[in-house]
């Protein structure tokens, strides 16, 4: 569990890290170097979930032998499938990462939605539905390891 006490906001008690795969933690179907190392550290406090339509049909092989939940969704209505997933586990306990249009509902409805702008780009509507925008996934994950960075960004 990760507790974030941000001045001027309701205390966040996070239990789950949910992330999109392609464009967020992977490029062209391959996990971005450094992501798995940060996931291993964060998994001491958060349950890691990778949610994807598995465009490259290789997500399971990228995380073989690791204790992360991989949830493959249908290629239709991905935005609603992602929202249903976080609602099932408790959206108020989720920090979510994404970069695409199909991540908008998930980031908007989660306790903490973080949009990631990388080589695949960022859907412009995520700028308005996320709480934070980061320039790469490693910086986003490191925010959770250094909560004072979140305080500086989100305090009122």
Protein backbone atom coordinates (compact mmCIF):
# COMPACT_ATOMS: atom_id res chain seq x y z
CA UNK A 1 0.00 0.00 0.00
CA UNK A 2 1.17 3.51 -0.84
CA UNK A 3 -0.32 6.42 1.11
CA UNK A 4 -0.09 9.87 -0.44
CA UNK A 5 -0.98 12.84 1.73
CA UNK A 6 -1.08 15.82 -0.62
CA UNK A 7 -1.92 19.21 0.95
CA UNK A 8 -5.35 20.47 -0.10
CA UNK A 9 -6.44 17.08 -1.44
CA UNK A 10 -8.00 13.96 -0.03
CA UNK A 11 -5.47 11.41 1.20
CA UNK A 12 -4.84 8.66 -1.38
CA UNK A 13 -4.44 5.07 -0.27
CA UNK A 14 -3.19 3.22 -3.33
CA UNK A 15 -2.99 -0.55 -3.64
CA UNK A 16 -2.85 -1.11 -7.41
CA UNK A 17 -0.73 0.21 -10.27
CA UNK A 18 -2.54 -0.35 -13.57
CA UNK A 19 -0.85 0.45 -16.83
CA UNK A 20 -1.52 0.26 -20.50
CA UNK A 21 1.14 -1.66 -22.42
CA UNK A 22 1.95 -0.35 -25.91
CA UNK A 23 2.99 3.29 -25.96
CA UNK A 24 3.05 3.46 -22.17
CA UNK A 25 5.51 0.85 -20.85
CA UNK A 26 6.44 -0.69 -24.21
CA UNK A 27 7.54 0.54 -27.61
CA UNK A 28 6.78 -1.63 -30.62
CA UNK A 29 5.83 -4.49 -28.31
CA UNK A 30 9.04 -4.47 -26.24
CA UNK A 31 9.18 -3.31 -22.63
CA UNK A 32 11.11 -0.07 -22.22
CA UNK A 33 14.42 -0.66 -20.40
CA UNK A 34 14.18 0.15 -16.70
CA UNK A 35 10.41 -0.46 -16.40
CA UNK A 36 10.68 -3.99 -14.99
CA UNK A 37 13.28 -2.90 -12.42
CA UNK A 38 10.98 -0.11 -11.20
CA UNK A 39 8.00 -2.48 -11.19
CA UNK A 40 9.94 -4.87 -8.94
CA UNK A 41 10.60 -2.07 -6.46
CA UNK A 42 7.03 -0.73 -6.62
CA UNK A 43 5.54 -4.21 -6.28
CA UNK A 44 6.58 -4.17 -2.61
CA UNK A 45 3.80 -1.60 -2.06
CA UNK A 46 1.50 -1.94 -5.08
CA UNK A 47 0.04 -4.83 -7.06
CA UNK A 48 1.15 -4.37 -10.69
CA UNK A 49 -1.42 -4.86 -13.47
CA UNK A 50 -0.69 -4.63 -17.20
CA UNK A 51 -3.85 -4.19 -19.26
CA UNK A 52 -3.65 -4.54 -23.02
CA UNK A 53 -5.22 -5.79 -26.23
CA UNK A 54 -1.78 -7.35 -26.86
CA UNK A 55 -1.34 -5.90 -30.34
CA UNK A 56 2.03 -7.64 -30.81
CA UNK A 57 0.92 -10.91 -29.17
CA UNK A 58 3.92 -10.96 -26.87
CA UNK A 59 3.03 -9.27 -23.58
CA UNK A 60 3.14 -12.52 -21.59
CA UNK A 61 6.65 -13.34 -22.81
CA UNK A 62 7.88 -9.88 -21.78
CA UNK A 63 6.94 -10.57 -18.14
CA UNK A 64 7.61 -14.30 -17.95
CA UNK A 65 8.51 -15.40 -14.43
CA UNK A 66 7.38 -12.15 -12.82
CA UNK A 67 4.49 -11.79 -10.40
CA UNK A 68 2.55 -9.13 -12.29
CA UNK A 69 -1.06 -9.48 -13.43
CA UNK A 70 -1.53 -9.37 -17.19
CA UNK A 71 -5.08 -8.71 -18.31
CA UNK A 72 -5.75 -9.01 -22.04
CA UNK A 73 -8.83 -7.19 -23.27
CA UNK A 74 -10.80 -7.43 -26.49
CA UNK A 75 -9.85 -5.13 -29.35
CA UNK A 76 -13.35 -3.54 -29.22
CA UNK A 77 -14.46 -1.01 -26.59
CA UNK A 78 -11.05 -0.95 -24.95
CA UNK A 79 -11.81 2.25 -23.05
CA UNK A 80 -14.83 0.66 -21.39
CA UNK A 81 -12.97 -2.60 -20.73
CA UNK A 82 -10.19 -0.71 -18.95
CA UNK A 83 -12.71 1.26 -16.90
CA UNK A 84 -14.55 -1.93 -15.90
CA UNK A 85 -11.25 -3.46 -14.81
CA UNK A 86 -10.36 -0.65 -12.39
CA UNK A 87 -13.93 -0.46 -11.11
CA UNK A 88 -13.82 -4.18 -10.32
CA UNK A 89 -10.69 -3.85 -8.17
CA UNK A 90 -11.64 -0.44 -6.72
CA UNK A 91 -10.75 2.63 -8.77
CA UNK A 92 -10.19 4.70 -5.60
CA UNK A 93 -7.19 2.43 -4.86
CA UNK A 94 -5.62 2.71 -8.33
CA UNK A 95 -2.85 4.73 -9.88
CA UNK A 96 -3.12 4.35 -13.65
CA UNK A 97 -0.76 5.08 -16.52
CA UNK A 98 -1.62 5.46 -20.21
CA UNK A 99 -1.03 7.37 -23.41
CA UNK A 100 -3.93 6.57 -25.75
CA UNK A 101 -7.56 7.49 -26.31
CA UNK A 102 -8.53 4.10 -24.90
CA UNK A 103 -6.94 5.12 -21.57
CA UNK A 104 -9.00 8.30 -21.01
CA UNK A 105 -11.75 6.80 -18.86
CA UNK A 106 -9.29 4.74 -16.83
CA UNK A 107 -7.08 7.74 -16.04
CA UNK A 108 -10.00 10.07 -15.38
CA UNK A 109 -11.80 7.72 -12.98
CA UNK A 110 -8.78 6.38 -11.09
CA UNK A 111 -7.51 7.89 -7.84
CA UNK A 112 -4.40 9.07 -9.67
CA UNK A 113 -4.18 9.13 -13.47
CA UNK A 114 -0.79 9.76 -15.05
CA UNK A 115 -0.52 10.38 -18.79
CA UNK A 116 2.74 9.43 -20.49
CA UNK A 117 4.11 11.29 -23.52
CA UNK A 118 6.71 9.19 -25.33
CA UNK A 119 7.63 8.13 -28.86
CA UNK A 120 4.08 6.94 -29.70
CA UNK A 121 2.69 10.30 -28.65
CA UNK A 122 -0.12 11.22 -26.29
CA UNK A 123 -3.83 11.48 -27.06
CA UNK A 124 -4.62 15.15 -26.48
CA UNK A 125 -7.75 14.40 -24.44
CA UNK A 126 -5.54 12.73 -21.81
CA UNK A 127 -4.13 16.18 -21.05
CA UNK A 128 -7.51 17.06 -19.57
CA UNK A 129 -8.51 13.75 -17.96
CA UNK A 130 -5.26 12.87 -16.19
CA UNK A 131 -3.96 14.46 -13.00
CA UNK A 132 -0.34 14.52 -14.19
CA UNK A 133 1.49 14.35 -17.53
CA UNK A 134 5.06 13.03 -17.63
CA UNK A 135 7.55 12.94 -20.46
CA UNK A 136 8.36 9.24 -20.03
CA UNK A 137 7.26 6.21 -18.06
CA UNK A 138 10.40 6.03 -15.93
CA UNK A 139 9.77 9.56 -14.61
CA UNK A 140 6.16 8.62 -13.94
CA UNK A 141 7.05 5.49 -11.99
CA UNK A 142 9.72 7.36 -10.05
CA UNK A 143 7.05 9.82 -8.86
CA UNK A 144 5.62 6.96 -6.83
CA UNK A 145 9.03 6.24 -5.32
CA UNK A 146 9.52 9.92 -4.44
CA UNK A 147 6.12 11.12 -3.17
CA UNK A 148 7.36 14.63 -2.45
CA UNK A 149 7.52 15.12 -6.22
CA UNK A 150 3.78 14.39 -6.32
CA UNK A 151 3.19 16.84 -3.50
CA UNK A 152 5.01 19.56 -5.44
CA UNK A 153 2.90 18.88 -8.53
CA UNK A 154 -0.56 18.31 -7.00
CA UNK A 155 -0.77 20.41 -3.84
CA UNK A 156 -3.30 23.21 -3.77
